[in-house]
N, C-alpha and C. Protein backbone atom coordinates (compact mmCIF):
# COMPACT_ATOMS: atom_id res chain seq x y z
N MET A 1 48.25 234.98 -129.10
CA MET A 1 46.71 234.08 -129.00
C MET A 1 46.25 233.10 -130.26
N ALA A 2 46.62 233.44 -131.48
CA ALA A 2 46.18 232.24 -132.78
C ALA A 2 47.55 231.37 -132.45
N GLY A 3 48.77 231.45 -132.06
CA GLY A 3 49.65 230.51 -132.08
C GLY A 3 48.99 229.95 -130.91
N LEU A 4 48.76 229.96 -129.55
CA LEU A 4 47.62 228.87 -128.65
C LEU A 4 46.56 228.39 -129.04
N LEU A 5 46.52 228.96 -129.43
CA LEU A 5 44.87 228.34 -130.76
C LEU A 5 45.77 227.22 -131.50
N GLY A 6 46.64 227.97 -132.43
CA GLY A 6 46.99 226.45 -133.52
C GLY A 6 47.62 225.94 -132.25
N ALA A 7 48.42 225.67 -131.56
CA ALA A 7 48.78 224.44 -130.78
C ALA A 7 47.87 223.33 -130.34
N TYR A 8 46.72 224.19 -129.47
CA TYR A 8 45.42 223.29 -128.69
C TYR A 8 45.02 222.95 -129.91
N SER A 9 44.54 223.02 -131.36
CA SER A 9 43.70 222.33 -132.28
C SER A 9 45.03 221.57 -132.75
N ALA A 10 46.05 221.58 -132.87
CA ALA A 10 47.24 220.48 -132.85
C ALA A 10 47.10 219.55 -132.13
N PHE A 11 46.84 219.78 -130.48
CA PHE A 11 46.93 218.91 -129.88
C PHE A 11 45.37 217.76 -129.84
N LEU A 12 44.33 218.54 -130.53
CA LEU A 12 42.78 218.74 -130.43
C LEU A 12 42.90 216.62 -131.11
N THR A 13 43.96 217.34 -132.11
CA THR A 13 44.37 216.84 -133.59
C THR A 13 45.09 215.02 -133.29
N ARG A 14 45.68 215.71 -132.27
CA ARG A 14 46.37 214.21 -132.39
C ARG A 14 45.82 213.57 -130.55
N ARG A 15 45.50 214.42 -129.70
CA ARG A 15 45.34 213.81 -129.01
C ARG A 15 43.53 214.11 -128.35
N PRO A 16 42.32 213.85 -129.26
CA PRO A 16 41.56 214.35 -129.09
C PRO A 16 40.66 213.28 -127.54
N LEU A 17 40.53 212.67 -127.37
CA LEU A 17 40.49 212.44 -125.58
C LEU A 17 41.35 213.16 -123.43
N ILE A 18 42.81 213.36 -124.68
CA ILE A 18 43.55 213.95 -123.49
C ILE A 18 43.25 215.37 -123.17
N GLY A 19 42.56 215.81 -125.08
CA GLY A 19 42.34 217.99 -124.89
C GLY A 19 41.66 217.40 -124.75
N GLY A 20 40.16 216.80 -124.62
CA GLY A 20 39.06 217.47 -124.48
C GLY A 20 38.53 216.48 -122.72
N MET A 21 38.89 216.17 -122.84
CA MET A 21 39.32 215.65 -121.11
C MET A 21 39.71 217.24 -119.75
N ALA A 22 40.84 217.29 -120.72
CA ALA A 22 41.31 218.58 -120.15
C ALA A 22 40.66 219.56 -119.99
N SER A 23 40.19 219.90 -121.60
CA SER A 23 39.09 221.35 -121.50
C SER A 23 37.89 221.08 -120.54
N SER A 24 37.97 219.39 -120.57
CA SER A 24 36.78 219.71 -119.78
C SER A 24 36.42 219.92 -118.40
N ALA A 25 37.32 219.14 -117.68
CA ALA A 25 38.16 219.58 -116.34
C ALA A 25 37.45 221.02 -115.92
N VAL A 26 38.70 221.62 -117.25
CA VAL A 26 38.91 223.60 -116.82
C VAL A 26 37.29 223.82 -116.56
N LEU A 27 36.98 223.50 -117.75
CA LEU A 27 35.75 224.57 -118.06
C LEU A 27 33.76 223.92 -117.00
N PHE A 28 34.11 223.17 -116.36
CA PHE A 28 33.01 222.30 -115.81
C PHE A 28 33.22 222.81 -114.21
N ALA A 29 34.34 223.03 -113.39
CA ALA A 29 35.28 223.79 -113.32
C ALA A 29 35.40 225.10 -112.38
N THR A 30 35.27 225.93 -113.97
CA THR A 30 35.48 227.67 -114.09
C THR A 30 33.43 227.30 -114.02
N GLY A 31 31.89 226.90 -114.36
CA GLY A 31 30.70 226.90 -114.00
C GLY A 31 30.65 226.01 -113.03
N ASP A 32 31.11 226.02 -111.95
CA ASP A 32 30.93 225.00 -110.99
C ASP A 32 31.14 226.21 -110.12
N VAL A 33 32.52 227.25 -110.07
CA VAL A 33 33.29 228.61 -109.48
C VAL A 33 31.80 229.66 -109.41
N VAL A 34 31.24 229.59 -111.08
CA VAL A 34 30.41 231.01 -111.78
C VAL A 34 29.43 230.27 -110.02
N ALA A 35 29.10 229.07 -110.06
CA ALA A 35 27.34 228.74 -109.72
C ALA A 35 28.13 229.27 -107.89
N GLN A 36 29.02 228.92 -107.65
CA GLN A 36 29.23 228.97 -106.51
C GLN A 36 29.42 230.77 -105.88
N GLN A 37 29.98 231.30 -106.49
CA GLN A 37 31.28 232.53 -106.88
C GLN A 37 29.67 233.71 -107.03
N LEU A 38 29.31 233.97 -108.09
CA LEU A 38 28.18 234.57 -108.72
C LEU A 38 27.09 234.33 -108.42
N ILE A 39 26.67 233.14 -108.30
CA ILE A 39 25.36 233.14 -108.28
C ILE A 39 24.74 232.95 -106.82
N GLU A 40 25.95 231.43 -105.95
CA GLU A 40 25.98 231.30 -104.32
C GLU A 40 26.48 232.92 -103.58
N LYS A 41 26.52 233.46 -103.68
CA LYS A 41 27.96 234.05 -103.48
C LYS A 41 28.04 233.72 -102.04
N LYS A 42 29.50 232.69 -102.03
CA LYS A 42 29.33 231.59 -101.40
C LYS A 42 30.84 232.75 -100.94
N GLY A 43 31.87 232.83 -101.35
CA GLY A 43 32.81 233.65 -101.19
C GLY A 43 34.06 232.59 -100.74
N SER A 44 34.55 233.49 -99.09
CA SER A 44 35.55 232.25 -98.54
C SER A 44 35.05 231.00 -98.09
N LYS A 45 34.03 230.94 -98.05
CA LYS A 45 32.99 229.45 -97.83
C LYS A 45 32.65 228.73 -99.52
N HIS A 46 34.04 228.80 -100.37
CA HIS A 46 33.82 228.01 -101.43
C HIS A 46 33.82 226.62 -101.10
N ASP A 47 32.98 225.55 -101.99
CA ASP A 47 33.35 224.00 -101.58
C ASP A 47 33.93 223.70 -102.94
N PHE A 48 35.34 223.48 -102.22
CA PHE A 48 36.21 222.99 -103.09
C PHE A 48 35.87 221.38 -103.63
N VAL A 49 35.47 220.50 -102.31
CA VAL A 49 35.45 219.39 -102.63
C VAL A 49 33.78 219.28 -103.70
N ARG A 50 33.06 219.95 -103.59
CA ARG A 50 32.28 220.29 -104.72
C ARG A 50 32.67 220.30 -106.18
N THR A 51 33.69 221.30 -105.78
CA THR A 51 34.35 221.34 -107.27
C THR A 51 34.92 220.56 -107.60
N ALA A 52 35.85 219.53 -106.36
CA ALA A 52 36.49 218.34 -107.56
C ALA A 52 35.56 217.39 -107.76
N ARG A 53 34.33 217.69 -107.40
CA ARG A 53 33.92 216.04 -107.51
C ARG A 53 33.03 216.88 -109.10
N ILE A 54 32.59 217.87 -108.86
CA ILE A 54 32.62 218.09 -110.39
C ILE A 54 33.59 218.15 -111.61
N VAL A 55 34.70 219.05 -111.34
CA VAL A 55 35.54 218.15 -111.94
C VAL A 55 36.07 216.79 -112.60
N VAL A 56 35.95 215.62 -112.21
CA VAL A 56 35.69 214.63 -112.05
C VAL A 56 34.65 214.05 -113.00
N TRP A 57 33.43 214.15 -112.29
CA TRP A 57 32.80 213.95 -113.57
C TRP A 57 32.70 214.81 -115.82
N GLY A 58 33.36 216.06 -115.17
CA GLY A 58 33.20 216.79 -116.09
C GLY A 58 34.44 215.87 -117.02
N GLY A 59 35.86 215.95 -116.81
CA GLY A 59 37.27 216.28 -117.31
C GLY A 59 36.55 213.82 -117.16
N GLY A 60 36.85 213.57 -116.48
CA GLY A 60 36.88 211.66 -116.64
C GLY A 60 35.40 211.01 -117.17
N ILE A 61 34.65 211.76 -117.01
CA ILE A 61 33.38 210.82 -117.40
C ILE A 61 32.55 211.25 -118.42
N PHE A 62 31.83 212.38 -118.12
CA PHE A 62 31.81 213.29 -119.74
C PHE A 62 32.07 213.53 -121.04
N ALA A 63 33.53 213.97 -120.86
CA ALA A 63 34.70 214.19 -121.80
C ALA A 63 34.96 213.36 -122.37
N PRO A 64 35.22 211.08 -122.31
CA PRO A 64 35.22 210.23 -122.34
C PRO A 64 33.90 210.31 -123.24
N ALA A 65 33.04 210.18 -122.41
CA ALA A 65 31.42 209.52 -123.31
C ALA A 65 31.27 210.39 -124.84
N VAL A 66 31.10 211.65 -124.74
CA VAL A 66 30.67 212.71 -125.06
C VAL A 66 32.38 212.66 -127.09
N THR A 67 33.67 212.22 -126.38
CA THR A 67 33.98 212.19 -127.52
C THR A 67 34.14 210.69 -128.28
N VAL A 68 33.81 209.41 -127.53
CA VAL A 68 33.23 208.31 -128.33
C VAL A 68 31.78 208.21 -128.67
N TRP A 69 30.83 208.50 -128.21
CA TRP A 69 29.54 209.71 -128.82
C TRP A 69 29.24 210.26 -129.92
N PHE A 70 29.97 211.58 -130.39
CA PHE A 70 29.93 212.12 -131.23
C PHE A 70 31.26 211.60 -132.08
N ARG A 71 32.09 210.35 -132.16
CA ARG A 71 32.84 209.65 -133.15
C ARG A 71 31.12 208.69 -133.94
N THR A 72 30.92 207.65 -132.82
CA THR A 72 29.57 207.15 -132.96
C THR A 72 28.50 208.23 -134.38
N LEU A 73 28.06 209.59 -133.74
CA LEU A 73 27.09 209.96 -134.73
C LEU A 73 27.57 210.55 -135.58
N GLU A 74 28.45 210.33 -135.87
CA GLU A 74 29.75 210.60 -137.23
C GLU A 74 29.60 209.43 -138.22
N ARG A 75 29.68 208.78 -137.37
CA ARG A 75 29.05 207.62 -138.77
C ARG A 75 28.08 206.57 -139.11
N LEU A 76 26.98 208.51 -139.04
CA LEU A 76 25.54 207.86 -139.19
C LEU A 76 25.66 207.75 -140.60
N PRO A 77 25.27 206.20 -141.16
CA PRO A 77 24.97 205.96 -142.50
C PRO A 77 23.59 207.32 -143.86
N ILE A 78 23.91 208.61 -142.50
CA ILE A 78 23.29 209.60 -143.98
C ILE A 78 23.91 210.16 -144.97
N LYS A 79 24.20 210.09 -146.51
CA LYS A 79 24.61 211.12 -146.51
C LYS A 79 24.42 212.58 -146.71
N SER A 80 23.03 212.81 -146.86
CA SER A 80 22.30 214.70 -146.48
C SER A 80 22.35 215.01 -145.32
N LYS A 81 23.14 216.39 -145.87
CA LYS A 81 23.98 217.13 -144.49
C LYS A 81 22.25 217.27 -143.44
N TRP A 82 21.35 218.13 -144.05
CA TRP A 82 20.18 218.58 -142.93
C TRP A 82 19.17 216.97 -142.84
N PRO A 83 19.63 215.42 -143.78
CA PRO A 83 18.63 215.21 -142.53
C PRO A 83 19.79 214.22 -141.83
N ALA A 84 20.79 213.77 -142.10
CA ALA A 84 22.05 213.24 -141.04
C ALA A 84 22.50 214.13 -139.78
N THR A 85 22.59 215.87 -140.24
CA THR A 85 22.00 216.50 -139.02
C THR A 85 20.85 216.43 -137.88
N PHE A 86 19.25 216.35 -138.75
CA PHE A 86 18.50 216.27 -138.05
C PHE A 86 18.62 214.53 -137.16
N ALA A 87 18.78 214.01 -137.82
CA ALA A 87 19.55 212.74 -136.89
C ALA A 87 20.01 212.61 -135.82
N ARG A 88 21.56 212.87 -135.49
CA ARG A 88 22.51 213.03 -135.34
C ARG A 88 22.06 214.12 -134.05
N VAL A 89 20.93 215.31 -133.90
CA VAL A 89 20.18 216.02 -132.93
C VAL A 89 19.72 215.57 -132.66
N GLY A 90 18.67 215.08 -133.03
CA GLY A 90 17.71 213.71 -132.23
C GLY A 90 17.95 212.59 -131.43
N LEU A 91 18.90 211.90 -132.28
CA LEU A 91 19.81 211.60 -130.87
C LEU A 91 20.29 211.76 -130.30
N ASP A 92 21.66 212.90 -129.87
CA ASP A 92 21.55 213.78 -129.79
C ASP A 92 20.80 213.71 -127.22
N GLN A 93 20.02 214.16 -128.18
CA GLN A 93 19.24 215.17 -127.83
C GLN A 93 18.40 213.95 -126.14
N PHE A 94 17.49 213.28 -127.68
CA PHE A 94 17.05 212.57 -127.21
C PHE A 94 17.35 210.65 -126.68
N VAL A 95 18.35 210.31 -126.85
CA VAL A 95 19.06 209.62 -125.93
C VAL A 95 20.22 209.49 -125.43
N PHE A 96 21.51 209.89 -126.16
CA PHE A 96 22.10 210.48 -124.84
C PHE A 96 22.41 211.27 -123.92
N ALA A 97 21.22 212.64 -123.49
CA ALA A 97 21.13 213.70 -123.00
C ALA A 97 20.71 212.88 -122.16
N PRO A 98 19.95 211.88 -121.98
CA PRO A 98 19.10 212.04 -120.45
C PRO A 98 19.63 210.90 -120.24
N ILE A 99 20.70 209.50 -120.83
CA ILE A 99 21.16 208.75 -120.46
C ILE A 99 23.09 210.21 -119.66
N VAL A 100 23.58 210.75 -119.81
CA VAL A 100 24.44 211.51 -119.21
C VAL A 100 23.58 212.48 -117.97
N LEU A 101 22.63 213.30 -118.48
CA LEU A 101 21.84 213.47 -117.20
C LEU A 101 21.84 212.86 -116.01
N THR A 102 20.90 211.54 -116.64
CA THR A 102 21.48 210.52 -115.49
C THR A 102 22.33 210.35 -114.53
N GLY A 103 22.98 210.18 -115.33
CA GLY A 103 24.49 209.81 -114.45
C GLY A 103 25.58 211.05 -114.04
N PHE A 104 24.67 211.98 -113.92
CA PHE A 104 25.49 212.94 -113.25
C PHE A 104 24.67 212.75 -112.18
N PHE A 105 23.52 213.11 -112.53
CA PHE A 105 22.59 213.27 -110.59
C PHE A 105 23.12 212.20 -110.17
N HIS A 106 23.44 210.77 -111.00
CA HIS A 106 23.75 209.48 -109.61
C HIS A 106 25.09 209.20 -109.17
N ALA A 107 26.09 209.86 -109.74
CA ALA A 107 27.19 210.38 -109.91
C ALA A 107 27.81 210.99 -109.09
N MET A 108 27.37 212.37 -108.66
CA MET A 108 27.58 213.69 -108.11
C MET A 108 26.81 212.88 -106.22
N THR A 109 25.59 212.60 -106.75
CA THR A 109 25.63 212.09 -105.15
C THR A 109 25.89 210.77 -104.92
N LEU A 110 27.10 210.17 -105.84
CA LEU A 110 27.26 208.34 -105.27
C LEU A 110 28.65 209.48 -104.50
N MET A 111 29.03 211.03 -105.22
CA MET A 111 30.88 210.66 -104.49
C MET A 111 30.08 211.75 -103.56
N GLU A 112 28.89 212.04 -103.46
CA GLU A 112 28.78 212.70 -101.76
C GLU A 112 28.74 211.53 -101.15
N GLY A 113 29.23 210.49 -101.36
CA GLY A 113 28.95 209.19 -100.17
C GLY A 113 28.08 208.79 -99.57
N LYS A 114 27.29 209.35 -100.34
CA LYS A 114 25.62 208.90 -100.54
C LYS A 114 24.78 207.72 -100.86
N THR A 115 23.98 207.04 -100.94
CA THR A 115 23.45 205.36 -101.41
C THR A 115 22.99 206.40 -102.51
N LEU A 116 22.82 204.87 -102.68
CA LEU A 116 22.09 204.62 -104.45
C LEU A 116 20.34 205.00 -104.43
N ALA A 117 19.84 204.93 -103.33
CA ALA A 117 18.58 205.05 -102.84
C ALA A 117 18.67 207.09 -103.33
N ASP A 118 19.65 207.88 -102.40
CA ASP A 118 19.52 209.11 -101.98
C ASP A 118 19.57 209.99 -103.80
N ALA A 119 20.42 208.99 -104.83
CA ALA A 119 20.25 209.47 -105.84
C ALA A 119 19.36 208.69 -107.20
N ARG A 120 18.61 208.26 -107.05
CA ARG A 120 18.21 207.97 -106.68
C ARG A 120 16.30 209.46 -106.92
N ALA A 121 16.32 209.66 -105.53
CA ALA A 121 15.66 210.24 -105.25
C ALA A 121 15.85 211.50 -106.08
N LYS A 122 17.53 211.78 -105.94
CA LYS A 122 17.71 213.16 -106.71
C LYS A 122 17.26 213.02 -107.95
N TRP A 123 17.71 212.20 -108.45
CA TRP A 123 17.45 212.30 -110.20
C TRP A 123 15.91 212.28 -110.23
N GLN A 124 15.43 211.49 -108.97
CA GLN A 124 13.19 211.80 -109.66
C GLN A 124 12.61 212.87 -109.02
N GLU A 125 14.00 213.79 -108.23
CA GLU A 125 13.04 215.60 -108.23
C GLU A 125 13.83 216.47 -109.51
N ALA A 126 14.64 216.38 -109.60
CA ALA A 126 15.45 217.22 -111.02
C ALA A 126 16.11 216.75 -112.25
N PHE A 127 15.87 215.25 -112.71
CA PHE A 127 16.13 215.28 -113.53
C PHE A 127 14.75 215.86 -114.83
N VAL A 128 13.53 215.16 -114.56
CA VAL A 128 12.38 216.71 -115.81
C VAL A 128 12.60 217.55 -115.82
N PRO A 129 13.22 218.61 -115.35
CA PRO A 129 13.21 220.44 -115.70
C PRO A 129 14.56 220.31 -116.10
N THR A 130 15.30 219.91 -115.33
CA THR A 130 17.20 219.40 -116.10
C THR A 130 17.08 218.89 -117.45
N LEU A 131 15.94 217.89 -117.33
CA LEU A 131 16.79 217.80 -119.28
C LEU A 131 15.33 218.95 -120.08
N LYS A 132 14.29 219.63 -119.60
CA LYS A 132 13.81 220.06 -120.44
C LYS A 132 14.39 221.67 -120.51
N ALA A 133 15.05 222.17 -119.19
CA ALA A 133 16.15 222.69 -119.65
C ALA A 133 16.81 222.76 -120.58
N ASN A 134 17.76 221.15 -120.67
CA ASN A 134 18.97 221.01 -121.01
C ASN A 134 18.27 221.05 -123.23
N TRP A 135 16.88 220.81 -123.50
CA TRP A 135 16.77 221.09 -124.64
C TRP A 135 17.00 222.04 -125.04
N MET A 136 15.92 223.02 -123.92
CA MET A 136 15.88 224.79 -125.01
C MET A 136 17.69 224.92 -125.14
N LEU A 137 18.02 225.09 -124.85
CA LEU A 137 19.62 225.04 -125.21
C LEU A 137 20.07 224.66 -126.14
N PHE A 138 20.18 223.56 -125.72
CA PHE A 138 21.24 222.12 -126.66
C PHE A 138 21.11 222.44 -127.82
N ILE A 139 19.04 221.85 -128.00
CA ILE A 139 18.94 221.41 -129.16
C ILE A 139 18.92 222.14 -130.30
N PRO A 140 18.90 223.36 -129.85
CA PRO A 140 19.22 224.72 -131.15
C PRO A 140 20.85 224.99 -130.84
N PHE A 141 21.73 224.41 -129.94
CA PHE A 141 22.36 224.45 -130.29
C PHE A 141 23.95 223.34 -130.40
N GLN A 142 23.35 222.25 -130.48
CA GLN A 142 23.91 221.31 -131.01
C GLN A 142 23.42 220.35 -132.80
N THR A 143 22.04 221.32 -133.34
CA THR A 143 21.88 221.78 -134.71
C THR A 143 22.65 222.98 -135.00
N LEU A 144 23.74 223.88 -134.34
CA LEU A 144 24.65 224.10 -135.37
C LEU A 144 25.64 223.59 -135.01
N ASN A 145 26.63 223.04 -134.19
CA ASN A 145 27.40 222.35 -133.40
C ASN A 145 27.76 221.17 -134.38
N MET A 146 26.63 220.39 -135.05
CA MET A 146 27.05 219.58 -136.02
C MET A 146 27.67 219.66 -137.12
N PHE A 147 27.21 221.02 -137.61
CA PHE A 147 28.61 221.55 -138.28
C PHE A 147 30.06 222.33 -138.37
N ILE A 148 30.48 221.89 -136.47
CA ILE A 148 31.20 222.46 -136.93
C ILE A 148 32.29 220.90 -136.72
N PRO A 149 33.67 221.28 -137.23
CA PRO A 149 33.87 220.23 -137.81
C PRO A 149 34.61 219.07 -136.34
N LEU A 150 34.98 218.01 -136.19
CA LEU A 150 34.64 217.08 -134.98
C LEU A 150 35.62 216.89 -133.88
N GLN A 151 36.74 217.61 -134.31
CA GLN A 151 37.50 217.67 -133.30
C GLN A 151 37.69 218.39 -132.56
N TYR A 152 36.87 219.78 -132.69
CA TYR A 152 35.95 220.62 -132.01
C TYR A 152 34.94 221.08 -131.39
N ARG A 153 33.84 220.10 -131.41
CA ARG A 153 32.40 219.63 -131.34
C ARG A 153 32.58 219.52 -129.39
N LEU A 154 33.48 219.10 -129.52
CA LEU A 154 33.39 219.23 -126.88
C LEU A 154 34.25 220.31 -127.03
N LEU A 155 35.24 221.13 -126.96
CA LEU A 155 35.40 222.87 -127.30
C LEU A 155 34.29 223.58 -127.47
N ALA A 156 33.27 223.25 -128.60
CA ALA A 156 32.35 224.34 -128.42
C ALA A 156 30.87 224.12 -128.09
N ILE A 157 30.69 222.47 -127.16
CA ILE A 157 29.84 222.33 -126.59
C ILE A 157 30.72 222.61 -124.30
N ASN A 158 31.77 222.63 -124.29
CA ASN A 158 32.48 222.89 -123.37
C ASN A 158 32.12 224.75 -123.05
N GLY A 159 31.90 225.68 -124.26
CA GLY A 159 32.11 226.66 -124.02
C GLY A 159 30.39 227.08 -124.01
N VAL A 160 29.51 226.96 -124.59
CA VAL A 160 28.38 226.50 -123.74
C VAL A 160 28.30 225.94 -122.88
N ASN A 161 29.33 225.13 -121.81
CA ASN A 161 29.20 223.77 -120.72
C ASN A 161 28.57 225.27 -119.24
N ILE A 162 29.74 226.20 -120.36
CA ILE A 162 29.94 227.34 -117.90
C ILE A 162 29.09 227.91 -118.04
N PRO A 163 27.68 228.55 -118.68
CA PRO A 163 26.72 228.47 -117.65
C PRO A 163 25.26 226.89 -117.92
N TRP A 164 25.64 226.46 -118.47
CA TRP A 164 25.05 225.45 -118.29
C TRP A 164 25.75 224.71 -117.15
N ASN A 165 27.24 224.47 -117.24
CA ASN A 165 27.70 223.59 -115.27
C ASN A 165 27.07 224.09 -114.19
N ALA A 166 27.01 225.90 -115.01
CA ALA A 166 26.63 226.25 -113.64
C ALA A 166 25.25 225.60 -113.24
N PHE A 167 24.23 226.05 -113.90
CA PHE A 167 23.00 225.58 -113.61
C PHE A 167 22.95 223.90 -113.16
N LEU A 168 23.57 223.12 -113.94
CA LEU A 168 23.42 221.84 -113.07
C LEU A 168 24.02 221.45 -112.00
N SER A 169 25.60 222.65 -111.45
CA SER A 169 25.79 222.64 -110.17
C SER A 169 24.64 223.19 -108.98
N LEU A 170 24.25 224.04 -109.69
CA LEU A 170 22.87 224.67 -108.70
C LEU A 170 21.82 223.46 -108.49
N GLN A 171 22.19 222.62 -109.99
CA GLN A 171 20.30 221.56 -109.85
C GLN A 171 20.85 220.50 -108.92
N ASN A 172 22.03 220.73 -109.01
CA ASN A 172 22.59 219.28 -107.87
C ASN A 172 22.86 220.04 -106.30
N ALA A 173 22.91 221.05 -106.49
CA ALA A 173 23.34 221.11 -104.67
C ALA A 173 21.85 221.64 -103.74
N LYS A 174 20.89 221.94 -104.35
CA LYS A 174 19.44 222.64 -104.51
C LYS A 174 18.91 222.11 -103.31
N PRO A 175 18.78 220.95 -103.60
CA PRO A 175 17.81 220.06 -102.51
C PRO A 175 18.93 219.98 -100.85
N LYS A 176 20.78 220.36 -100.99
CA LYS A 176 21.67 220.33 -99.72
C LYS A 176 21.31 221.63 -99.36
N GLN A 177 21.04 222.52 -99.64
CA GLN A 177 20.88 223.81 -99.48
C GLN A 177 19.50 224.44 -98.51
N VAL A 178 18.73 224.07 -99.21
CA VAL A 178 17.54 222.79 -98.32
C VAL A 178 17.25 222.40 -97.47
N GLU A 179 18.40 221.20 -96.83
CA GLU A 179 18.68 220.48 -95.89
C GLU A 179 19.12 221.81 -95.13
N LYS A 180 20.10 222.21 -95.12
CA LYS A 180 21.20 223.36 -94.59
C LYS A 180 20.20 224.36 -93.69
N ALA A 181 18.81 224.70 -94.56
CA ALA A 181 18.00 225.94 -94.16
C ALA A 181 17.58 225.42 -92.78
N GLU A 182 16.73 224.25 -93.67
CA GLU A 182 15.89 223.15 -92.67
C GLU A 182 16.70 222.96 -90.94
N ASP A 183 18.07 222.61 -91.01
CA ASP A 183 18.67 222.38 -90.56
C ASP A 183 18.37 223.73 -89.53
N ASP A 184 19.32 224.42 -89.96
CA ASP A 184 19.50 225.20 -89.10
C ASP A 184 18.54 226.39 -88.41
N LEU A 185 17.06 225.84 -88.89
CA LEU A 185 16.04 226.33 -87.66
C LEU A 185 15.31 225.81 -86.85
N LYS A 186 15.83 224.41 -86.96
CA LYS A 186 15.34 223.29 -86.25
C LYS A 186 16.71 223.18 -84.62
N LYS A 187 17.36 224.36 -85.21
CA LYS A 187 18.82 224.49 -84.41
C LYS A 187 18.48 225.78 -83.55
N ASP A 188 17.35 227.14 -84.11
CA ASP A 188 16.86 228.59 -83.62
C ASP A 188 16.20 227.56 -83.04
């Protein structure tokens, strides 16, 4: 196990973007599988296209954005450790998190083949409760995460992201479940 962790650590140091993208893709997929199998109990009716969409988001959009964002935060010209930590967490949670969540709901809706108006409606419905949940989890976590070496921060977030991604996946899927139930009722 130590050899595998050492190899992964060396890979993250050499190729932080590719390593972060691969890790994020796997862990975002894991979060969606948890949501679909353990929470929604879909069994053999697993929505693999939904999982693929969240992999595209996590590995292709989220990971590169977070990698660049953490490097940017690291360059803040604040020398004292605690003020720098609070500034980084404040910027991360009150600037970056709302942007990422907005991007998530829009990207997921558009990848479902829906319109920009549908994406806005999804955002209006889900953004505020999701952002509040984000703050409850990630303000304390990010405060600790800012003490982790830069190359491991995305990995640390991705570890927390398994339950968080399950939550996000459910938040994104929630209206579809309601629509399906309404359609089923109309058929009866």
